Amino acid sequence: MPPRTVTTARQRRLGAELRKMREAAGYNAREAAALLGLDHTKISQVETARFGVSAERVRFLASAYGCEDQAYVEALVAMATERTRGWWEKYRGVLSPGFLDVAELEHQSSYLHTYQIAHIPGIAQTEEYADAVFEFGSPHRLSKEQKEARVEHRIQRAKILDREEPFEYTALVHEAALRMRFGGREVLRSQLDHLLTLSDHPRFTVRVIPFDTDGFAGSGQAVLYAGGPVPQLDTVHLDSTLGPVFLDAETQLRSYRSMLSRMEKRALGIRKSRDFIKEIIQWL
């Protein structure tokens, strides 16, 4: 099997989890390779996702490393054996890999919790609003074709709400994001109308954090917390003009879970949030 020329964030995550497991067991790469009868460089190449790994080897390594969490091991096996090409793959070579990694992360998640301070959540954006966000949010001016591809990809991400598997999306949206007039007054009004319509979807919940809330629990940046098939495989995605940042260390996950929990306590309830958005629309 030839080495991969392109690796996804999900493939790199599998390799990182195998490395964590090995290090927790006290094995170095040479010792782990000896267990499989391989050259020691092969373990490093698997752990950096340059090469794939079979289900049998994942289970063998987990057993050798003394990992007894079968749910976790089987989740890694699923990551190792999946071959489905998602809708986002048609954008490979058109958009930077980070866009594809975010779409795959959302698609594979069991739930999504997001906090937005400047924008409406990506999956809830209208075409006109997304166009304006990319117009002003990119560090360099995009060509017409580049911007159209980004907008189209962003709209496609809303497909996750219609998948068959159990799923929920919870958006904590700061009042600032509801009032930021990307594209002008009419574009914002249409965007907020769309957000209200989307809030009727059984899998989508929006809650508002108003300006006058007592305290501010946020970090000042967009946060997406993606639940994995098991808690160890949760992921935090931080948005950035230079590309996405993915965090998966347990201490990091715990910190962001705590932060989102504090935000939820400050946010308005579902009905009050809808009324709040309606009131903003009336004043536009």
C-alpha atoms as a PDB file:
ATOM      1  CA  MET A   1       0.000   0.000   0.000  1.00  0.00           C
ATOM      2  CA  PRO A   2       1.585   3.332  -1.032  1.00  0.00           C
ATOM      3  CA  PRO A   3       1.813   6.169   1.489  1.00  0.00           C
ATOM      4  CA  ARG A   4      -0.978   8.742   1.504  1.00  0.00           C
ATOM      5  CA  THR A   5      -0.259  11.956  -0.320  1.00  0.00           C
ATOM      6  CA  VAL A   6      -3.152  13.711   1.436  1.00  0.00           C
ATOM      7  CA  THR A   7      -4.276  13.098   5.009  1.00  0.00           C
ATOM      8  CA  THR A   8      -7.481  14.267   6.653  1.00  0.00           C
ATOM      9  CA  ALA A   9      -7.896  15.536  10.204  1.00  0.00           C
ATOM     10  CA  ARG A  10      -9.852  12.378  11.017  1.00  0.00           C
ATOM     11  CA  GLN A  11      -7.052  10.105   9.773  1.00  0.00           C
ATOM     12  CA  ARG A  12      -4.511  12.111  11.743  1.00  0.00           C
ATOM     13  CA  ARG A  13      -6.739  11.839  14.821  1.00  0.00           C
ATOM     14  CA  LEU A  14      -6.740   8.031  14.564  1.00  0.00           C
ATOM     15  CA  GLY A  15      -2.960   8.019  14.409  1.00  0.00           C
ATOM     16  CA  ALA A  16      -2.749  10.400  17.361  1.00  0.00           C
ATOM     17  CA  GLU A  17      -5.053   8.179  19.436  1.00  0.00           C
ATOM     18  CA  LEU A  18      -2.880   5.132  18.700  1.00  0.00           C
ATOM     19  CA  ARG A  19       0.155   7.132  19.766  1.00  0.00           C
ATOM     20  CA  LYS A  20      -1.538   8.217  23.008  1.00  0.00           C
ATOM     21  CA  MET A  21      -2.454   4.602  23.711  1.00  0.00           C
ATOM     22  CA  ARG A  22       1.104   3.439  23.078  1.00  0.00           C
ATOM     23  CA  GLU A  23       2.658   6.128  25.259  1.00  0.00           C
ATOM     24  CA  ALA A  24       0.197   5.442  28.083  1.00  0.00           C
ATOM     25  CA  ALA A  25       1.314   1.795  27.989  1.00  0.00           C
ATOM     26  CA  GLY A  26       4.966   2.834  28.229  1.00  0.00           C
ATOM     27  CA  TYR A  27       6.061   1.506  24.808  1.00  0.00           C
ATOM     28  CA  ASN A  28       8.368   3.346  22.439  1.00  0.00           C
ATOM     29  CA  ALA A  29       7.840   3.075  18.665  1.00  0.00           C
ATOM     30  CA  ARG A  30      10.517   0.407  18.245  1.00  0.00           C
ATOM     31  CA  GLU A  31       8.957  -1.807  20.930  1.00  0.00           C
ATOM     32  CA  ALA A  32       5.478  -1.382  19.456  1.00  0.00           C
ATOM     33  CA  ALA A  33       6.734  -2.255  15.973  1.00  0.00           C
ATOM     34  CA  ALA A  34       8.341  -5.416  17.342  1.00  0.00           C
ATOM     35  CA  LEU A  35       4.926  -6.575  18.568  1.00  0.00           C
ATOM     36  CA  LEU A  36       3.738  -6.571  14.949  1.00  0.00           C
ATOM     37  CA  GLY A  37       7.000  -7.748  13.433  1.00  0.00           C
ATOM     38  CA  LEU A  38       7.431  -4.482  11.595  1.00  0.00           C
ATOM     39  CA  ASP A  39      10.207  -1.976  11.090  1.00  0.00           C
ATOM     40  CA  HIS A  40      10.021   0.701  13.782  1.00  0.00           C
ATOM     41  CA  THR A  41       9.468   3.425  11.166  1.00  0.00           C
ATOM     42  CA  LYS A  42       6.136   1.827  10.212  1.00  0.00           C
ATOM     43  CA  ILE A  43       4.584   2.621  13.607  1.00  0.00           C
ATOM     44  CA  SER A  44       5.580   6.262  13.245  1.00  0.00           C
ATOM     45  CA  GLN A  45       4.099   6.370   9.757  1.00  0.00           C
ATOM     46  CA  VAL A  46       0.811   4.907  11.022  1.00  0.00           C
ATOM     47  CA  GLU A  47       0.713   7.355  13.931  1.00  0.00           C
ATOM     48  CA  THR A  48       1.246  10.304  11.570  1.00  0.00           C
ATOM     49  CA  ALA A  49      -1.426   8.917   9.176  1.00  0.00           C
ATOM     50  CA  ARG A  50       0.973   8.464   6.273  1.00  0.00           C
ATOM     51  CA  PHE A  51      -0.173   4.847   6.178  1.00  0.00           C
ATOM     52  CA  GLY A  52      -3.528   3.350   7.094  1.00  0.00           C
ATOM     53  CA  VAL A  53      -4.000   0.576   9.613  1.00  0.00           C
ATOM     54  CA  SER A  54      -6.296  -2.457   9.532  1.00  0.00           C
ATOM     55  CA  ALA A  55      -9.020  -3.260  12.043  1.00  0.00           C
ATOM     56  CA  GLU A  56      -7.082  -6.353  13.133  1.00  0.00           C
ATOM     57  CA  ARG A  57      -3.966  -4.331  13.919  1.00  0.00           C
ATOM     58  CA  VAL A  58      -5.941  -1.695  15.821  1.00  0.00           C
ATOM     59  CA  ARG A  59      -7.435  -4.412  18.011  1.00  0.00           C
ATOM     60  CA  PHE A  60      -4.076  -6.166  18.391  1.00  0.00           C
ATOM     61  CA  LEU A  61      -2.287  -2.981  19.416  1.00  0.00           C
ATOM     62  CA  ALA A  62      -5.076  -2.023  21.830  1.00  0.00           C
ATOM     63  CA  SER A  63      -4.809  -5.447  23.466  1.00  0.00           C
ATOM     64  CA  ALA A  64      -1.010  -5.272  23.615  1.00  0.00           C
ATOM     65  CA  TYR A  65      -1.195  -1.801  25.132  1.00  0.00           C
ATOM     66  CA  GLY A  66      -3.618  -3.042  27.782  1.00  0.00           C
ATOM     67  CA  CYS A  67      -6.572  -0.892  26.688  1.00  0.00           C
ATOM     68  CA  GLU A  68      -9.748  -2.506  28.038  1.00  0.00           C
ATOM     69  CA  ASP A  69     -12.214   0.171  26.895  1.00  0.00           C
ATOM     70  CA  GLN A  70     -13.936  -1.795  24.142  1.00  0.00           C
ATOM     71  CA  ALA A  71     -16.250   1.042  23.093  1.00  0.00           C
ATOM     72  CA  TYR A  72     -13.219   3.257  22.528  1.00  0.00           C
ATOM     73  CA  VAL A  73     -11.326   0.521  20.653  1.00  0.00           C
ATOM     74  CA  GLU A  74     -14.289  -0.224  18.369  1.00  0.00           C
ATOM     75  CA  ALA A  75     -14.679   3.502  17.645  1.00  0.00           C
ATOM     76  CA  LEU A  76     -11.024   3.521  16.518  1.00  0.00           C
ATOM     77  CA  VAL A  77     -11.670   0.413  14.414  1.00  0.00           C
ATOM     78  CA  ALA A  78     -14.554   2.224  12.707  1.00  0.00           C
ATOM     79  CA  MET A  79     -12.254   5.156  11.939  1.00  0.00           C
ATOM     80  CA  ALA A  80      -9.651   2.782  10.495  1.00  0.00           C
ATOM     81  CA  THR A  81     -12.058   0.927   8.219  1.00  0.00           C
ATOM     82  CA  GLU A  82     -14.380   3.648   6.910  1.00  0.00           C
ATOM     83  CA  ARG A  83     -14.097   4.149   3.162  1.00  0.00           C
ATOM     84  CA  THR A  84     -17.066   6.405   2.432  1.00  0.00           C
ATOM     85  CA  ARG A  85     -16.297   9.512   0.417  1.00  0.00           C
ATOM     86  CA  GLY A  86     -18.426  12.328   1.772  1.00  0.00           C
ATOM     87  CA  TRP A  87     -20.021  15.118  -0.247  1.00  0.00           C
ATOM     88  CA  TRP A  88     -17.182  17.434   0.791  1.00  0.00           C
ATOM     89  CA  GLU A  89     -14.639  15.444  -1.242  1.00  0.00           C
ATOM     90  CA  LYS A  90     -15.766  17.120  -4.455  1.00  0.00           C
ATOM     91  CA  TYR A  91     -14.204  20.311  -3.076  1.00  0.00           C
ATOM     92  CA  ARG A  92     -10.758  18.752  -2.609  1.00  0.00           C
ATOM     93  CA  GLY A  93      -8.314  20.818  -4.624  1.00  0.00           C
ATOM     94  CA  VAL A  94     -10.880  23.617  -4.832  1.00  0.00           C
ATOM     95  CA  LEU A  95     -10.965  24.644  -1.166  1.00  0.00           C
ATOM     96  CA  SER A  96      -8.208  24.394   1.410  1.00  0.00           C
ATOM     97  CA  PRO A  97      -8.215  21.089   3.346  1.00  0.00           C
ATOM     98  CA  GLY A  98      -9.458  22.782   6.518  1.00  0.00           C
ATOM     99  CA  PHE A  99     -12.896  23.370   4.991  1.00  0.00           C
ATOM    100  CA  LEU A 100     -13.194  19.675   4.199  1.00  0.00           C
ATOM    101  CA  ASP A 101     -11.962  18.639   7.646  1.00  0.00           C
ATOM    102  CA  VAL A 102     -14.638  20.744   9.356  1.00  0.00           C
ATOM    103  CA  ALA A 103     -17.396  19.264   7.173  1.00  0.00           C
ATOM    104  CA  GLU A 104     -16.186  15.730   7.911  1.00  0.00           C
ATOM    105  CA  LEU A 105     -15.949  16.492  11.639  1.00  0.00           C
ATOM    106  CA  GLU A 106     -19.559  17.694  11.644  1.00  0.00           C
ATOM    107  CA  HIS A 107     -20.724  14.714   9.604  1.00  0.00           C
ATOM    108  CA  GLN A 108     -19.094  12.191  11.939  1.00  0.00           C
ATOM    109  CA  SER A 109     -20.166  13.843  15.201  1.00  0.00           C
ATOM    110  CA  SER A 110     -22.892  12.548  17.508  1.00  0.00           C
ATOM    111  CA  TYR A 111     -23.815  16.114  18.533  1.00  0.00           C
ATOM    112  CA  LEU A 112     -22.543  19.650  17.996  1.00  0.00           C
ATOM    113  CA  HIS A 113     -22.476  22.556  20.423  1.00  0.00           C
ATOM    114  CA  THR A 114     -21.269  25.899  19.131  1.00  0.00           C
ATOM    115  CA  TYR A 115     -20.719  29.381  20.482  1.00  0.00           C
ATOM    116  CA  GLN A 116     -20.637  32.336  18.078  1.00  0.00           C
ATOM    117  CA  ILE A 117     -19.825  35.909  18.973  1.00  0.00           C
ATOM    118  CA  ALA A 118     -19.509  37.612  15.551  1.00  0.00           C
ATOM    119  CA  HIS A 119     -21.375  35.458  13.015  1.00  0.00           C
ATOM    120  CA  ILE A 120     -24.493  33.381  12.686  1.00  0.00           C
ATOM    121  CA  PRO A 121     -23.422  29.691  12.886  1.00  0.00           C
ATOM    122  CA  GLY A 122     -22.130  28.427   9.542  1.00  0.00           C
ATOM    123  CA  ILE A 123     -24.782  25.772   8.954  1.00  0.00           C
ATOM    124  CA  ALA A 124     -27.506  28.350   9.581  1.00  0.00           C
ATOM    125  CA  GLN A 125     -26.233  30.992   7.160  1.00  0.00           C
ATOM    126  CA  THR A 126     -28.064  32.080   4.021  1.00  0.00           C
ATOM    127  CA  GLU A 127     -26.168  32.370   0.744  1.00  0.00           C
ATOM    128  CA  GLU A 128     -26.220  36.181   0.807  1.00  0.00           C
ATOM    129  CA  TYR A 129     -25.047  36.351   4.412  1.00  0.00           C
ATOM    130  CA  ALA A 130     -22.272  33.775   3.851  1.00  0.00           C
ATOM    131  CA  ASP A 131     -21.148  35.698   0.772  1.00  0.00           C
ATOM    132  CA  ALA A 132     -20.795  38.854   2.864  1.00  0.00           C
ATOM    133  CA  VAL A 133     -18.957  37.006   5.651  1.00  0.00           C
ATOM    134  CA  PHE A 134     -16.379  35.669   3.197  1.00  0.00           C
ATOM    135  CA  GLU A 135     -16.105  39.073   1.545  1.00  0.00           C
ATOM    136  CA  PHE A 136     -15.067  40.733   4.801  1.00  0.00           C
ATOM    137  CA  GLY A 137     -13.621  37.812   6.758  1.00  0.00           C
ATOM    138  CA  SER A 138     -10.910  36.555   4.425  1.00  0.00           C
ATOM    139  CA  PRO A 139      -7.353  37.833   5.039  1.00  0.00           C
ATOM    140  CA  HIS A 140      -6.988  38.313   1.271  1.00  0.00           C
ATOM    141  CA  ARG A 141      -9.455  39.153  -1.458  1.00  0.00           C
ATOM    142  CA  LEU A 142     -11.116  36.066  -2.925  1.00  0.00           C
ATOM    143  CA  SER A 143     -11.837  35.575  -6.599  1.00  0.00           C
ATOM    144  CA  LYS A 144     -15.467  35.189  -7.652  1.00  0.00           C
ATOM    145  CA  GLU A 145     -14.940  31.434  -8.146  1.00  0.00           C
ATOM    146  CA  GLN A 146     -13.240  30.982  -4.746  1.00  0.00           C
ATOM    147  CA  LYS A 147     -15.988  32.807  -2.913  1.00  0.00           C
ATOM    148  CA  GLU A 148     -18.745  30.917  -4.715  1.00  0.00           C
ATOM    149  CA  ALA A 149     -17.130  27.594  -3.802  1.00  0.00           C
ATOM    150  CA  ARG A 150     -16.856  28.596  -0.145  1.00  0.00           C
ATOM    151  CA  VAL A 151     -20.460  29.745  -0.001  1.00  0.00           C
ATOM    152  CA  GLU A 152     -21.739  26.604  -1.724  1.00  0.00           C
ATOM    153  CA  HIS A 153     -19.717  24.390   0.641  1.00  0.00           C
ATOM    154  CA  ARG A 154     -21.035  26.273   3.679  1.00  0.00           C
ATOM    155  CA  ILE A 155     -24.666  25.863   2.593  1.00  0.00           C
ATOM    156  CA  GLN A 156     -24.087  22.152   1.954  1.00  0.00           C
ATOM    157  CA  ARG A 157     -23.007  21.705   5.579  1.00  0.00           C
ATOM    158  CA  ALA A 158     -26.632  22.069   6.698  1.00  0.00           C
ATOM    159  CA  LYS A 159     -27.176  18.514   5.403  1.00  0.00           C
ATOM    160  CA  ILE A 160     -26.133  17.180   8.798  1.00  0.00           C
ATOM    161  CA  LEU A 161     -29.545  18.176  10.193  1.00  0.00           C
ATOM    162  CA  ASP A 162     -31.285  15.734   7.879  1.00  0.00           C
ATOM    163  CA  ARG A 163     -29.183  12.622   8.397  1.00  0.00           C
ATOM    164  CA  GLU A 164     -30.814   9.477   9.724  1.00  0.00           C
ATOM    165  CA  GLU A 165     -28.673   8.935  12.825  1.00  0.00           C
ATOM    166  CA  PRO A 166     -29.640  10.591  16.146  1.00  0.00           C
ATOM    167  CA  PHE A 167     -28.126  14.054  16.246  1.00  0.00           C
ATOM    168  CA  GLU A 168     -28.550  17.461  17.868  1.00  0.00           C
ATOM    169  CA  TYR A 169     -27.082  20.889  17.135  1.00  0.00           C
ATOM    170  CA  THR A 170     -27.116  23.537  19.864  1.00  0.00           C
ATOM    171  CA  ALA A 171     -26.046  27.079  18.993  1.00  0.00           C
ATOM    172  CA  LEU A 172     -25.272  29.698  21.629  1.00  0.00           C
ATOM    173  CA  VAL A 173     -25.275  32.979  19.734  1.00  0.00           C
ATOM    174  CA  HIS A 174     -24.182  36.261  21.259  1.00  0.00           C
ATOM    175  CA  GLU A 175     -26.338  39.319  20.609  1.00  0.00           C
ATOM    176  CA  ALA A 176     -23.385  40.890  18.789  1.00  0.00           C
ATOM    177  CA  ALA A 177     -23.659  38.241  16.072  1.00  0.00           C
ATOM    178  CA  LEU A 178     -27.381  38.939  15.699  1.00  0.00           C
ATOM    179  CA  ARG A 179     -26.762  42.643  15.116  1.00  0.00           C
ATOM    180  CA  MET A 180     -23.649  42.514  12.904  1.00  0.00           C
ATOM    181  CA  ARG A 181     -24.914  43.692   9.497  1.00  0.00           C
ATOM    182  CA  PHE A 182     -22.950  41.556   7.088  1.00  0.00           C
ATOM    183  CA  GLY A 183     -24.338  42.421   3.666  1.00  0.00           C
ATOM    184  CA  GLY A 184     -26.533  45.218   5.001  1.00  0.00           C
ATOM    185  CA  ARG A 185     -29.888  45.566   6.709  1.00  0.00           C
ATOM    186  CA  GLU A 186     -31.956  43.473   4.292  1.00  0.00           C
ATOM    187  CA  VAL A 187     -29.470  40.594   4.205  1.00  0.00           C
ATOM    188  CA  LEU A 188     -29.405  40.524   8.001  1.00  0.00           C
ATOM    189  CA  ARG A 189     -33.197  40.594   8.229  1.00  0.00           C
ATOM    190  CA  SER A 190     -33.432  37.662   5.828  1.00  0.00           C
ATOM    191  CA  GLN A 191     -30.721  35.852   7.770  1.00  0.00           C
ATOM    192  CA  LEU A 192     -32.499  36.248  11.096  1.00  0.00           C
ATOM    193  CA  ASP A 193     -35.774  35.096   9.525  1.00  0.00           C
ATOM    194  CA  HIS A 194     -33.946  31.999   8.302  1.00  0.00           C
ATOM    195  CA  LEU A 195     -32.473  31.419  11.763  1.00  0.00           C
ATOM    196  CA  LEU A 196     -35.968  31.531  13.265  1.00  0.00           C
ATOM    197  CA  THR A 197     -37.260  29.087  10.659  1.00  0.00           C
ATOM    198  CA  LEU A 198     -34.350  26.757  11.308  1.00  0.00           C
ATOM    199  CA  SER A 199     -35.030  26.871  15.050  1.00  0.00           C
ATOM    200  CA  ASP A 200     -38.254  24.952  14.336  1.00  0.00           C
ATOM    201  CA  HIS A 201     -36.139  22.024  13.134  1.00  0.00           C
ATOM    202  CA  PRO A 202     -36.242  19.265  15.788  1.00  0.00           C
ATOM    203  CA  ARG A 203     -32.463  18.912  15.737  1.00  0.00           C
ATOM    204  CA  PHE A 204     -31.513  22.597  15.862  1.00  0.00           C
ATOM    205  CA  THR A 205     -31.625  24.727  19.006  1.00  0.00           C
ATOM    206  CA  VAL A 206     -30.587  28.372  19.204  1.00  0.00           C
ATOM    207  CA  ARG A 207     -30.149  30.265  22.450  1.00  0.00           C
ATOM    208  CA  VAL A 208     -29.141  33.914  22.710  1.00  0.00           C
ATOM    209  CA  ILE A 209     -26.603  35.464  25.082  1.00  0.00           C
ATOM    210  CA  PRO A 210     -27.675  39.125  25.340  1.00  0.00           C
ATOM    211  CA  PHE A 211     -25.376  42.096  25.894  1.00  0.00           C
ATOM    212  CA  ASP A 212     -26.823  42.721  29.346  1.00  0.00           C
ATOM    213  CA  THR A 213     -26.077  39.261  30.697  1.00  0.00           C
ATOM    214  CA  ASP A 214     -24.356  39.302  34.076  1.00  0.00           C
ATOM    215  CA  GLY A 215     -20.823  38.302  33.162  1.00  0.00           C
ATOM    216  CA  PHE A 216     -19.182  36.884  30.081  1.00  0.00           C
ATOM    217  CA  ALA A 217     -18.001  33.285  30.063  1.00  0.00           C
ATOM    218  CA  GLY A 218     -16.737  33.157  26.492  1.00  0.00           C
ATOM    219  CA  SER A 219     -13.239  33.177  25.050  1.00  0.00           C
ATOM    220  CA  GLY A 220     -13.974  35.821  22.425  1.00  0.00           C
ATOM    221  CA  GLN A 221     -13.737  33.393  19.497  1.00  0.00           C
ATOM    222  CA  ALA A 222     -15.986  30.972  17.682  1.00  0.00           C
ATOM    223  CA  VAL A 223     -16.037  27.520  19.262  1.00  0.00           C
ATOM    224  CA  LEU A 224     -17.464  24.265  17.903  1.00  0.00           C
ATOM    225  CA  TYR A 225     -17.560  21.275  20.254  1.00  0.00           C
ATOM    226  CA  ALA A 226     -18.111  18.023  18.353  1.00  0.00           C
ATOM    227  CA  GLY A 227     -19.172  14.969  20.306  1.00  0.00           C
ATOM    228  CA  GLY A 228     -17.523  11.746  19.175  1.00  0.00           C
ATOM    229  CA  PRO A 229     -18.866   8.186  19.367  1.00  0.00           C
ATOM    230  CA  VAL A 230     -17.149   8.008  22.775  1.00  0.00           C
ATOM    231  CA  PRO A 231     -16.093  10.999  24.939  1.00  0.00           C
ATOM    232  CA  GLN A 232     -12.381  10.340  24.315  1.00  0.00           C
ATOM    233  CA  LEU A 233     -12.969  11.167  20.642  1.00  0.00           C
ATOM    234  CA  ASP A 234     -14.654  14.527  21.195  1.00  0.00           C
ATOM    235  CA  THR A 235     -13.055  17.418  19.305  1.00  0.00           C
ATOM    236  CA  VAL A 236     -12.977  21.198  19.717  1.00  0.00           C
ATOM    237  CA  HIS A 237     -12.766  23.261  16.536  1.00  0.00           C
ATOM    238  CA  LEU A 238     -11.642  26.889  16.816  1.00  0.00           C
ATOM    239  CA  ASP A 239     -12.315  29.113  13.822  1.00  0.00           C
ATOM    240  CA  SER A 240      -9.508  31.271  12.478  1.00  0.00           C
ATOM    241  CA  THR A 241      -8.826  33.384   9.397  1.00  0.00           C
ATOM    242  CA  LEU A 242      -5.684  31.261   8.933  1.00  0.00           C
ATOM    243  CA  GLY A 243      -7.605  27.979   9.008  1.00  0.00           C
ATOM    244  CA  PRO A 244      -9.226  25.676  11.547  1.00  0.00           C
ATOM    245  CA  VAL A 245      -7.570  24.607  14.787  1.00  0.00           C
ATOM    246  CA  PHE A 246      -8.533  21.218  16.257  1.00  0.00           C
ATOM    247  CA  LEU A 247      -8.040  20.394  19.933  1.00  0.00           C
ATOM    248  CA  ASP A 248      -8.445  16.945  21.459  1.00  0.00           C
ATOM    249  CA  ALA A 249      -6.356  16.705  24.640  1.00  0.00           C
ATOM    250  CA  GLU A 250      -8.525  15.668  27.574  1.00  0.00           C
ATOM    251  CA  THR A 251      -7.608  18.776  29.581  1.00  0.00           C
ATOM    252  CA  GLN A 252      -8.620  20.958  26.615  1.00  0.00           C
ATOM    253  CA  LEU A 253     -11.906  19.115  26.096  1.00  0.00           C
ATOM    254  CA  ARG A 254     -12.714  19.417  29.780  1.00  0.00           C
ATOM    255  CA  SER A 255     -12.011  23.160  29.746  1.00  0.00           C
ATOM    256  CA  TYR A 256     -14.276  23.796  26.759  1.00  0.00           C
ATOM    257  CA  ARG A 257     -17.058  21.608  28.156  1.00  0.00           C
ATOM    258  CA  SER A 258     -16.917  23.710  31.315  1.00  0.00           C
ATOM    259  CA  MET A 259     -16.914  26.964  29.341  1.00  0.00           C
ATOM    260  CA  LEU A 260     -19.920  25.948  27.239  1.00  0.00           C
ATOM    261  CA  SER A 261     -21.770  24.837  30.364  1.00  0.00           C
ATOM    262  CA  ARG A 262     -21.221  28.259  31.937  1.00  0.00           C
ATOM    263  CA  MET A 263     -22.415  29.936  28.729  1.00  0.00           C
ATOM    264  CA  GLU A 264     -25.601  27.868  28.671  1.00  0.00           C
ATOM    265  CA  LYS A 265     -26.404  29.070  32.187  1.00  0.00           C
ATOM    266  CA  ARG A 266     -26.095  32.693  30.986  1.00  0.00           C
ATOM    267  CA  ALA A 267     -28.098  32.210  27.789  1.00  0.00           C
ATOM    268  CA  LEU A 268     -31.805  32.898  27.392  1.00  0.00           C
ATOM    269  CA  GLY A 269     -34.195  29.959  27.156  1.00  0.00           C
ATOM    270  CA  ILE A 270     -35.379  28.694  23.789  1.00  0.00           C
ATOM    271  CA  ARG A 271     -38.652  30.633  23.703  1.00  0.00           C
ATOM    272  CA  LYS A 272     -37.138  33.856  25.043  1.00  0.00           C
ATOM    273  CA  SER A 273     -34.341  33.538  22.485  1.00  0.00           C
ATOM    274  CA  ARG A 274     -36.875  33.320  19.643  1.00  0.00           C
ATOM    275  CA  ASP A 275     -38.706  36.386  20.987  1.00  0.00           C
ATOM    276  CA  PHE A 276     -35.376  38.214  21.285  1.00  0.00           C
ATOM    277  CA  ILE A 277     -34.522  37.513  17.635  1.00  0.00           C
ATOM    278  CA  LYS A 278     -38.005  38.616  16.532  1.00  0.00           C
ATOM    279  CA  GLU A 279     -37.550  41.900  18.397  1.00  0.00           C
ATOM    280  CA  ILE A 280     -34.248  42.578  16.613  1.00  0.00           C
ATOM    281  CA  ILE A 281     -35.926  41.894  13.255  1.00  0.00           C
ATOM    282  CA  GLN A 282     -38.672  44.412  14.045  1.00  0.00           C
ATOM    283  CA  TRP A 283     -36.086  47.139  14.591  1.00  0.00           C
ATOM    284  CA  LEU A 284     -34.161  46.469  11.372  1.00  0.00           C
END
